[in-house]
PDB file of all heavy atoms in Angstrom:
ATOM      1  N   PHE A   1      50.242 115.832 243.031  1.00  0.00           N
ATOM      2  CA  PHE A   1      50.308 115.770 241.543  1.00  0.00           C
ATOM      3  C   PHE A   1      49.149 114.879 240.926  1.00  0.00           C
ATOM      4  O   PHE A   1      48.625 113.981 241.633  1.00  0.00           O
ATOM      5  CB  PHE A   1      51.670 115.026 241.219  1.00  0.00           C
ATOM      6  CG  PHE A   1      52.839 115.717 241.875  1.00  0.00           C
ATOM      7  CD1 PHE A   1      53.320 115.343 243.057  1.00  0.00           C
ATOM      8  CD2 PHE A   1      53.493 116.752 241.158  1.00  0.00           C
ATOM      9  CE1 PHE A   1      54.456 116.035 243.675  1.00  0.00           C
ATOM     10  CE2 PHE A   1      54.607 117.378 241.747  1.00  0.00           C
ATOM     11  CZ  PHE A   1      55.063 117.108 242.964  1.00  0.00           C
ATOM     12  N   THR A   2      48.659 115.257 239.864  1.00  0.00           N
ATOM     13  CA  THR A   2      47.642 114.556 239.064  1.00  0.00           C
ATOM     14  C   THR A   2      47.905 114.557 237.647  1.00  0.00           C
ATOM     15  O   THR A   2      48.471 115.511 237.120  1.00  0.00           O
ATOM     16  CB  THR A   2      46.201 115.244 239.436  1.00  0.00           C
ATOM     17  OG1 THR A   2      45.328 114.525 238.712  1.00  0.00           O
ATOM     18  CG2 THR A   2      46.177 116.568 239.089  1.00  0.00           C
ATOM     19  N   ASP A   3      47.448 113.500 237.029  1.00  0.00           N
ATOM     20  CA  ASP A   3      47.486 113.588 235.498  1.00  0.00           C
ATOM     21  C   ASP A   3      46.246 114.145 234.794  1.00  0.00           C
ATOM     22  O   ASP A   3      46.064 114.048 233.586  1.00  0.00           O
ATOM     23  CB  ASP A   3      47.735 112.147 235.087  1.00  0.00           C
ATOM     24  CG  ASP A   3      46.689 111.115 235.537  1.00  0.00           C
ATOM     25  OD1 ASP A   3      45.651 111.438 236.029  1.00  0.00           O
ATOM     26  OD2 ASP A   3      46.965 109.947 235.259  1.00  0.00           O
ATOM     27  N   ALA A   4      45.402 114.786 235.706  1.00  0.00           N
ATOM     28  CA  ALA A   4      44.222 115.422 235.145  1.00  0.00           C
ATOM     29  C   ALA A   4      44.568 116.668 234.298  1.00  0.00           C
ATOM     30  O   ALA A   4      45.577 117.185 234.426  1.00  0.00           O
ATOM     31  CB  ALA A   4      43.229 115.890 236.273  1.00  0.00           C
ATOM     32  N   LYS A   5      43.599 117.061 233.411  1.00  0.00           N
ATOM     33  CA  LYS A   5      43.822 118.156 232.630  1.00  0.00           C
ATOM     34  C   LYS A   5      42.903 119.276 233.138  1.00  0.00           C
ATOM     35  O   LYS A   5      41.716 119.182 233.231  1.00  0.00           O
ATOM     36  CB  LYS A   5      43.430 117.832 231.091  1.00  0.00           C
ATOM     37  CG  LYS A   5      43.532 118.957 230.154  1.00  0.00           C
ATOM     38  CD  LYS A   5      43.206 118.632 228.743  1.00  0.00           C
ATOM     39  CE  LYS A   5      43.425 119.759 227.750  1.00  0.00           C
ATOM     40  NZ  LYS A   5      42.891 119.415 226.376  1.00  0.00           N
ATOM     41  N   ILE A   6      43.466 120.455 233.439  1.00  0.00           N
ATOM     42  CA  ILE A   6      42.666 121.532 233.870  1.00  0.00           C
ATOM     43  C   ILE A   6      43.509 122.874 233.763  1.00  0.00           C
ATOM     44  O   ILE A   6      44.724 122.791 234.097  1.00  0.00           O
ATOM     45  CB  ILE A   6      42.186 121.332 235.374  1.00  0.00           C
ATOM     46  CG1 ILE A   6      41.297 122.466 235.931  1.00  0.00           C
ATOM     47  CG2 ILE A   6      43.411 121.104 236.238  1.00  0.00           C
ATOM     48  CD1 ILE A   6      40.670 122.144 237.193  1.00  0.00           C
ATOM     49  N   ALA A   7      42.909 123.980 233.386  1.00  0.00           N
ATOM     50  CA  ALA A   7      43.602 125.205 233.275  1.00  0.00           C
ATOM     51  C   ALA A   7      43.870 125.675 234.703  1.00  0.00           C
ATOM     52  O   ALA A   7      43.359 125.397 235.728  1.00  0.00           O
ATOM     53  CB  ALA A   7      42.701 126.223 232.619  1.00  0.00           C
ATOM     54  N   TRP A   8      44.771 126.745 234.695  1.00  0.00           N
ATOM     55  CA  TRP A   8      45.432 127.177 236.041  1.00  0.00           C
ATOM     56  C   TRP A   8      44.300 127.828 236.920  1.00  0.00           C
ATOM     57  O   TRP A   8      44.210 127.466 238.002  1.00  0.00           O
ATOM     58  CB  TRP A   8      46.428 128.142 235.632  1.00  0.00           C
ATOM     59  CG  TRP A   8      46.926 128.856 237.075  1.00  0.00           C
ATOM     60  CD1 TRP A   8      47.660 128.092 237.952  1.00  0.00           C
ATOM     61  CD2 TRP A   8      46.614 130.129 237.667  1.00  0.00           C
ATOM     62  NE1 TRP A   8      47.915 128.999 239.100  1.00  0.00           N
ATOM     63  CE2 TRP A   8      47.267 130.108 238.910  1.00  0.00           C
ATOM     64  CE3 TRP A   8      45.782 131.076 237.187  1.00  0.00           C
ATOM     65  CZ2 TRP A   8      47.127 131.264 239.740  1.00  0.00           C
ATOM     66  CZ3 TRP A   8      45.647 132.255 238.029  1.00  0.00           C
ATOM     67  CH2 TRP A   8      46.362 132.262 239.206  1.00  0.00           C
ATOM     68  N   GLN A   9      43.478 128.593 236.355  1.00  0.00           N
ATOM     69  CA  GLN A   9      42.500 129.435 237.340  1.00  0.00           C
ATOM     70  C   GLN A   9      41.575 128.535 238.003  1.00  0.00           C
ATOM     71  O   GLN A   9      41.330 128.586 239.113  1.00  0.00           O
ATOM     72  CB  GLN A   9      41.795 130.535 236.502  1.00  0.00           C
ATOM     73  CG  GLN A   9      41.010 131.461 237.426  1.00  0.00           C
ATOM     74  CD  GLN A   9      41.862 132.231 238.438  1.00  0.00           C
ATOM     75  OE1 GLN A   9      42.737 133.077 238.041  1.00  0.00           O
ATOM     76  NE2 GLN A   9      41.606 131.898 239.739  1.00  0.00           N
ATOM     77  N   PRO A  10      40.860 127.584 237.291  1.00  0.00           N
ATOM     78  CA  PRO A  10      40.015 126.601 237.985  1.00  0.00           C
ATOM     79  C   PRO A  10      40.775 125.683 238.946  1.00  0.00           C
ATOM     80  O   PRO A  10      40.059 125.326 239.999  1.00  0.00           O
ATOM     81  CB  PRO A  10      39.312 125.784 236.853  1.00  0.00           C
ATOM     82  CG  PRO A  10      40.019 126.112 235.624  1.00  0.00           C
ATOM     83  CD  PRO A  10      40.700 127.428 235.839  1.00  0.00           C
ATOM     84  N   LEU A  11      41.964 125.361 238.533  1.00  0.00           N
ATOM     85  CA  LEU A  11      42.792 124.473 239.573  1.00  0.00           C
ATOM     86  C   LEU A  11      43.089 125.308 240.716  1.00  0.00           C
ATOM     87  O   LEU A  11      42.973 124.923 241.860  1.00  0.00           O
ATOM     88  CB  LEU A  11      44.031 124.081 238.767  1.00  0.00           C
ATOM     89  CG  LEU A  11      44.929 123.090 239.523  1.00  0.00           C
ATOM     90  CD1 LEU A  11      44.253 121.776 239.710  1.00  0.00           C
ATOM     91  CD2 LEU A  11      46.286 122.979 238.891  1.00  0.00           C
ATOM     92  N   GLN A  12      43.419 126.610 240.611  1.00  0.00           N
ATOM     93  CA  GLN A  12      43.841 127.440 241.795  1.00  0.00           C
ATOM     94  C   GLN A  12      42.518 127.672 242.680  1.00  0.00           C
ATOM     95  O   GLN A  12      42.554 127.523 243.789  1.00  0.00           O
ATOM     96  CB  GLN A  12      44.263 128.810 241.220  1.00  0.00           C
ATOM     97  CG  GLN A  12      44.625 129.831 242.346  1.00  0.00           C
ATOM     98  CD  GLN A  12      46.000 129.387 243.052  1.00  0.00           C
ATOM     99  OE1 GLN A  12      46.784 128.711 242.396  1.00  0.00           O
ATOM    100  NE2 GLN A  12      46.052 129.610 244.333  1.00  0.00           N
ATOM    101  N   ASP A  13      41.372 127.887 241.997  1.00  0.00           N
ATOM    102  CA  ASP A  13      40.123 128.032 242.738  1.00  0.00           C
ATOM    103  C   ASP A  13      39.760 126.783 243.573  1.00  0.00           C
ATOM    104  O   ASP A  13      39.460 126.906 244.723  1.00  0.00           O
ATOM    105  CB  ASP A  13      39.013 128.431 241.793  1.00  0.00           C
ATOM    106  CG  ASP A  13      39.158 129.835 241.093  1.00  0.00           C
ATOM    107  OD1 ASP A  13      39.959 130.619 241.676  1.00  0.00           O
ATOM    108  OD2 ASP A  13      38.420 130.033 240.098  1.00  0.00           O
ATOM    109  N   MET A  14      39.942 125.597 242.876  1.00  0.00           N
ATOM    110  CA  MET A  14      39.491 124.400 243.567  1.00  0.00           C
ATOM    111  C   MET A  14      40.547 124.175 244.797  1.00  0.00           C
ATOM    112  O   MET A  14      39.989 123.720 245.888  1.00  0.00           O
ATOM    113  CB  MET A  14      39.743 123.205 242.624  1.00  0.00           C
ATOM    114  CG  MET A  14      39.278 121.840 243.166  1.00  0.00           C
ATOM    115  SD  MET A  14      39.592 120.489 241.941  1.00  0.00           S
ATOM    116  CE  MET A  14      38.656 121.112 240.537  1.00  0.00           C
ATOM    117  N   LEU A  15      41.839 124.469 244.602  1.00  0.00           N
ATOM    118  CA  LEU A  15      42.709 124.207 245.705  1.00  0.00           C
ATOM    119  C   LEU A  15      42.400 125.195 246.903  1.00  0.00           C
ATOM    120  O   LEU A  15      42.512 124.786 247.989  1.00  0.00           O
ATOM    121  CB  LEU A  15      44.157 124.619 245.124  1.00  0.00           C
ATOM    122  CG  LEU A  15      45.344 124.447 246.268  1.00  0.00           C
ATOM    123  CD1 LEU A  15      45.426 122.933 246.570  1.00  0.00           C
ATOM    124  CD2 LEU A  15      46.575 124.834 245.611  1.00  0.00           C
ATOM    125  N   GLY A  16      42.044 126.469 246.529  1.00  0.00           N
ATOM    126  CA  GLY A  16      41.624 127.274 247.631  1.00  0.00           C
ATOM    127  C   GLY A  16      40.487 126.821 248.453  1.00  0.00           C
ATOM    128  O   GLY A  16      40.348 126.902 249.700  1.00  0.00           O
ATOM    129  N   ARG A  17      39.496 126.382 247.793  1.00  0.00           N
ATOM    130  CA  ARG A  17      38.250 125.893 248.335  1.00  0.00           C
ATOM    131  C   ARG A  17      38.590 124.684 249.222  1.00  0.00           C
ATOM    132  O   ARG A  17      38.110 124.611 250.367  1.00  0.00           O
ATOM    133  CB  ARG A  17      37.260 125.431 247.339  1.00  0.00           C
ATOM    134  CG  ARG A  17      36.549 126.575 246.573  1.00  0.00           C
ATOM    135  CD  ARG A  17      35.251 125.912 245.855  1.00  0.00           C
ATOM    136  NE  ARG A  17      35.562 124.907 244.820  1.00  0.00           N
ATOM    137  CZ  ARG A  17      35.952 125.115 243.538  1.00  0.00           C
ATOM    138  NH1 ARG A  17      35.934 126.358 243.125  1.00  0.00           N
ATOM    139  NH2 ARG A  17      36.101 124.113 242.801  1.00  0.00           N
ATOM    140  N   LEU A  18      39.302 123.720 248.809  1.00  0.00           N
ATOM    141  CA  LEU A  18      39.653 122.524 249.616  1.00  0.00           C
ATOM    142  C   LEU A  18      40.556 122.793 250.638  1.00  0.00           C
ATOM    143  O   LEU A  18      40.583 122.062 251.721  1.00  0.00           O
ATOM    144  CB  LEU A  18      40.205 121.507 248.655  1.00  0.00           C
ATOM    145  CG  LEU A  18      39.120 120.917 247.476  1.00  0.00           C
ATOM    146  CD1 LEU A  18      39.803 119.801 246.763  1.00  0.00           C
ATOM    147  CD2 LEU A  18      37.892 120.517 248.196  1.00  0.00           C
ATOM    148  N   THR A  19      41.488 123.744 250.450  1.00  0.00           N
ATOM    149  CA  THR A  19      42.325 124.096 251.649  1.00  0.00           C
ATOM    150  C   THR A  19      41.585 124.581 252.833  1.00  0.00           C
ATOM    151  O   THR A  19      41.975 124.263 253.943  1.00  0.00           O
ATOM    152  CB  THR A  19      43.359 125.170 251.207  1.00  0.00           C
ATOM    153  OG1 THR A  19      44.108 124.719 250.042  1.00  0.00           O
ATOM    154  CG2 THR A  19      44.244 125.588 252.339  1.00  0.00           C
ATOM    155  N   ASP A  20      40.548 125.321 252.641  1.00  0.00           N
ATOM    156  CA  ASP A  20      39.686 125.816 253.744  1.00  0.00           C
ATOM    157  C   ASP A  20      39.040 124.731 254.462  1.00  0.00           C
ATOM    158  O   ASP A  20      38.555 124.875 255.631  1.00  0.00           O
ATOM    159  CB  ASP A  20      38.751 126.805 253.230  1.00  0.00           C
ATOM    160  CG  ASP A  20      39.412 128.227 252.995  1.00  0.00           C
ATOM    161  OD1 ASP A  20      40.482 128.419 253.591  1.00  0.00           O
ATOM    162  OD2 ASP A  20      38.829 129.026 252.287  1.00  0.00           O
ATOM    163  N   ARG A  21      38.791 123.621 253.888  1.00  0.00           N
ATOM    164  CA  ARG A  21      38.121 122.404 254.452  1.00  0.00           C
ATOM    165  C   ARG A  21      39.074 121.304 255.026  1.00  0.00           C
ATOM    166  O   ARG A  21      38.760 120.479 255.644  1.00  0.00           O
ATOM    167  CB  ARG A  21      37.228 121.665 253.378  1.00  0.00           C
ATOM    168  CG  ARG A  21      36.118 122.519 252.852  1.00  0.00           C
ATOM    169  CD  ARG A  21      35.470 121.906 251.675  1.00  0.00           C
ATOM    170  NE  ARG A  21      35.020 120.560 251.941  1.00  0.00           N
ATOM    171  CZ  ARG A  21      34.534 119.712 251.047  1.00  0.00           C
ATOM    172  NH1 ARG A  21      34.657 120.010 249.800  1.00  0.00           N
ATOM    173  NH2 ARG A  21      34.198 118.477 251.414  1.00  0.00           N
ATOM    174  N   THR A  22      40.402 121.644 254.773  1.00  0.00           N
ATOM    175  CA  THR A  22      41.341 120.600 255.211  1.00  0.00           C
ATOM    176  C   THR A  22      42.606 121.205 255.966  1.00  0.00           C
ATOM    177  O   THR A  22      42.512 121.383 257.224  1.00  0.00           O
ATOM    178  CB  THR A  22      41.964 119.793 253.979  1.00  0.00           C
ATOM    179  OG1 THR A  22      42.544 120.821 252.997  1.00  0.00           O
ATOM    180  CG2 THR A  22      40.778 118.993 253.329  1.00  0.00           C
ATOM    181  N   PHE A  23      43.511 121.689 255.276  1.00  0.00           N
ATOM    182  CA  PHE A  23      44.769 122.233 255.918  1.00  0.00           C
ATOM    183  C   PHE A  23      44.507 123.384 256.820  1.00  0.00           C
ATOM    184  O   PHE A  23      45.292 123.700 257.800  1.00  0.00           O
ATOM    185  CB  PHE A  23      45.851 122.519 254.956  1.00  0.00           C
ATOM    186  CG  PHE A  23      46.335 121.263 254.270  1.00  0.00           C
ATOM    187  CD1 PHE A  23      46.059 120.966 253.103  1.00  0.00           C
ATOM    188  CD2 PHE A  23      47.216 120.322 255.005  1.00  0.00           C
ATOM    189  CE1 PHE A  23      46.482 119.776 252.313  1.00  0.00           C
ATOM    190  CE2 PHE A  23      47.710 119.147 254.363  1.00  0.00           C
ATOM    191  CZ  PHE A  23      47.251 118.881 253.089  1.00  0.00           C
ATOM    192  N   ASN A  24      43.514 124.203 256.434  1.00  0.00           N
ATOM    193  CA  ASN A  24      43.225 125.341 257.274  1.00  0.00           C
ATOM    194  C   ASN A  24      42.394 125.054 258.515  1.00  0.00           C
ATOM    195  O   ASN A  24      41.964 125.997 259.271  1.00  0.00           O
ATOM    196  CB  ASN A  24      42.533 126.567 256.553  1.00  0.00           C
ATOM    197  CG  ASN A  24      43.633 127.334 255.807  1.00  0.00           C
ATOM    198  OD1 ASN A  24      44.752 127.244 256.004  1.00  0.00           O
ATOM    199  ND2 ASN A  24      43.117 128.168 254.914  1.00  0.00           N
ATOM    200  N   ASN A  25      42.071 123.745 258.750  1.00  0.00           N
ATOM    201  CA  ASN A  25      41.451 123.236 259.829  1.00  0.00           C
ATOM    202  C   ASN A  25      42.238 122.387 260.772  1.00  0.00           C
ATOM    203  O   ASN A  25      41.664 121.559 261.582  1.00  0.00           O
ATOM    204  CB  ASN A  25      40.071 122.590 259.488  1.00  0.00           C
ATOM    205  CG  ASN A  25      39.021 123.566 258.979  1.00  0.00           C
ATOM    206  OD1 ASN A  25      39.051 124.705 259.317  1.00  0.00           O
ATOM    207  ND2 ASN A  25      38.000 123.154 258.278  1.00  0.00           N
ATOM    208  N   ILE A  26      43.511 122.446 260.602  1.00  0.00           N
ATOM    209  CA  ILE A  26      44.393 121.651 261.634  1.00  0.00           C
ATOM    210  C   ILE A  26      45.206 122.652 262.353  1.00  0.00           C
ATOM    211  O   ILE A  26      45.560 123.755 261.959  1.00  0.00           O
ATOM    212  CB  ILE A  26      45.193 120.608 260.860  1.00  0.00           C
ATOM    213  CG1 ILE A  26      46.265 121.341 259.974  1.00  0.00           C
ATOM    214  CG2 ILE A  26      44.367 119.688 260.051  1.00  0.00           C
ATOM    215  CD1 ILE A  26      47.269 120.443 259.327  1.00  0.00           C
ATOM    216  N   THR A  27      45.626 122.137 263.629  1.00  0.00           N
ATOM    217  CA  THR A  27      46.488 122.950 264.382  1.00  0.00           C
ATOM    218  C   THR A  27      47.300 122.031 265.374  1.00  0.00           C
ATOM    219  O   THR A  27      46.602 120.985 265.877  1.00  0.00           O
ATOM    220  CB  THR A  27      45.774 124.008 265.207  1.00  0.00           C
ATOM    221  OG1 THR A  27      46.761 124.694 266.069  1.00  0.00           O
ATOM    222  CG2 THR A  27      44.766 123.481 266.069  1.00  0.00           C
ATOM    223  N   VAL A  28      48.518 122.170 265.424  1.00  0.00           N
ATOM    224  CA  VAL A  28      49.261 121.356 266.488  1.00  0.00           C
ATOM    225  C   VAL A  28      49.646 122.215 267.689  1.00  0.00           C
ATOM    226  O   VAL A  28      49.456 121.816 268.779  1.00  0.00           O
ATOM    227  CB  VAL A  28      50.648 120.719 265.753  1.00  0.00           C
ATOM    228  CG1 VAL A  28      51.575 120.253 266.885  1.00  0.00           C
ATOM    229  CG2 VAL A  28      50.207 119.733 264.769  1.00  0.00           C
ATOM    230  N   ASP A  29      50.155 123.484 267.390  1.00  0.00           N
ATOM    231  CA  ASP A  29      50.702 124.242 268.479  1.00  0.00           C
ATOM    232  C   ASP A  29      50.213 125.771 268.366  1.00  0.00           C
ATOM    233  O   ASP A  29      50.801 126.533 269.030  1.00  0.00           O
ATOM    234  CB  ASP A  29      52.256 124.090 268.580  1.00  0.00           C
ATOM    235  CG  ASP A  29      52.810 124.322 267.228  1.00  0.00           C
ATOM    236  OD1 ASP A  29      52.278 124.802 266.345  1.00  0.00           O
ATOM    237  OD2 ASP A  29      54.047 123.819 267.009  1.00  0.00           O
ATOM    238  N   SER A  30      49.413 125.987 267.467  1.00  0.00           N
ATOM    239  CA  SER A  30      48.905 127.462 267.265  1.00  0.00           C
ATOM    240  C   SER A  30      49.957 128.415 266.485  1.00  0.00           C
ATOM    241  O   SER A  30      49.643 129.567 266.352  1.00  0.00           O
ATOM    242  CB  SER A  30      48.401 128.126 268.518  1.00  0.00           C
ATOM    243  OG  SER A  30      49.572 128.570 269.237  1.00  0.00           O
ATOM    244  N   ASP A  31      51.078 127.876 266.147  1.00  0.00           N
ATOM    245  CA  ASP A  31      52.029 128.626 265.526  1.00  0.00           C
ATOM    246  C   ASP A  31      52.099 128.501 263.831  1.00  0.00           C
ATOM    247  O   ASP A  31      52.289 127.374 263.491  1.00  0.00           O
ATOM    248  CB  ASP A  31      53.477 128.330 266.011  1.00  0.00           C
ATOM    249  CG  ASP A  31      53.622 128.960 267.415  1.00  0.00           C
ATOM    250  OD1 ASP A  31      52.945 129.917 267.754  1.00  0.00           O
ATOM    251  OD2 ASP A  31      54.407 128.262 268.160  1.00  0.00           O
ATOM    252  N   THR A  32      51.991 129.600 263.179  1.00  0.00           N
ATOM    253  CA  THR A  32      52.084 129.501 261.730  1.00  0.00           C
ATOM    254  C   THR A  32      53.386 129.737 261.161  1.00  0.00           C
ATOM    255  O   THR A  32      54.008 130.708 261.456  1.00  0.00           O
ATOM    256  CB  THR A  32      51.004 130.638 261.221  1.00  0.00           C
ATOM    257  OG1 THR A  32      49.717 130.243 261.675  1.00  0.00           O
ATOM    258  CG2 THR A  32      51.117 130.602 259.678  1.00  0.00           C
ATOM    259  N   SER A  33      53.856 128.836 260.419  1.00  0.00           N
ATOM    260  CA  SER A  33      55.195 128.943 259.816  1.00  0.00           C
ATOM    261  C   SER A  33      55.372 129.869 258.854  1.00  0.00           C
ATOM    262  O   SER A  33      54.414 130.478 258.225  1.00  0.00           O
ATOM    263  CB  SER A  33      55.501 127.602 259.218  1.00  0.00           C
ATOM    264  OG  SER A  33      56.801 127.626 258.456  1.00  0.00           O
ATOM    265  N   THR A  34      56.697 130.301 258.675  1.00  0.00           N
ATOM    266  CA  THR A  34      57.195 131.392 257.690  1.00  0.00           C
ATOM    267  C   THR A  34      57.179 130.805 256.331  1.00  0.00           C
ATOM    268  O   THR A  34      57.315 131.529 255.329  1.00  0.00           O
ATOM    269  CB  THR A  34      58.460 131.995 258.017  1.00  0.00           C
ATOM    270  OG1 THR A  34      59.427 130.916 258.102  1.00  0.00           O
ATOM    271  CG2 THR A  34      58.322 132.747 259.307  1.00  0.00           C
TER     272      THR A  34
END
């Protein structure tokens, strides 16, 4: 959550970019949840 002001599309684009640098680069057991 943030108190920043930003429209949905640029927020969605930013989230996608950063996900590829963070959460998509971790693994505990190689199993992807449903």
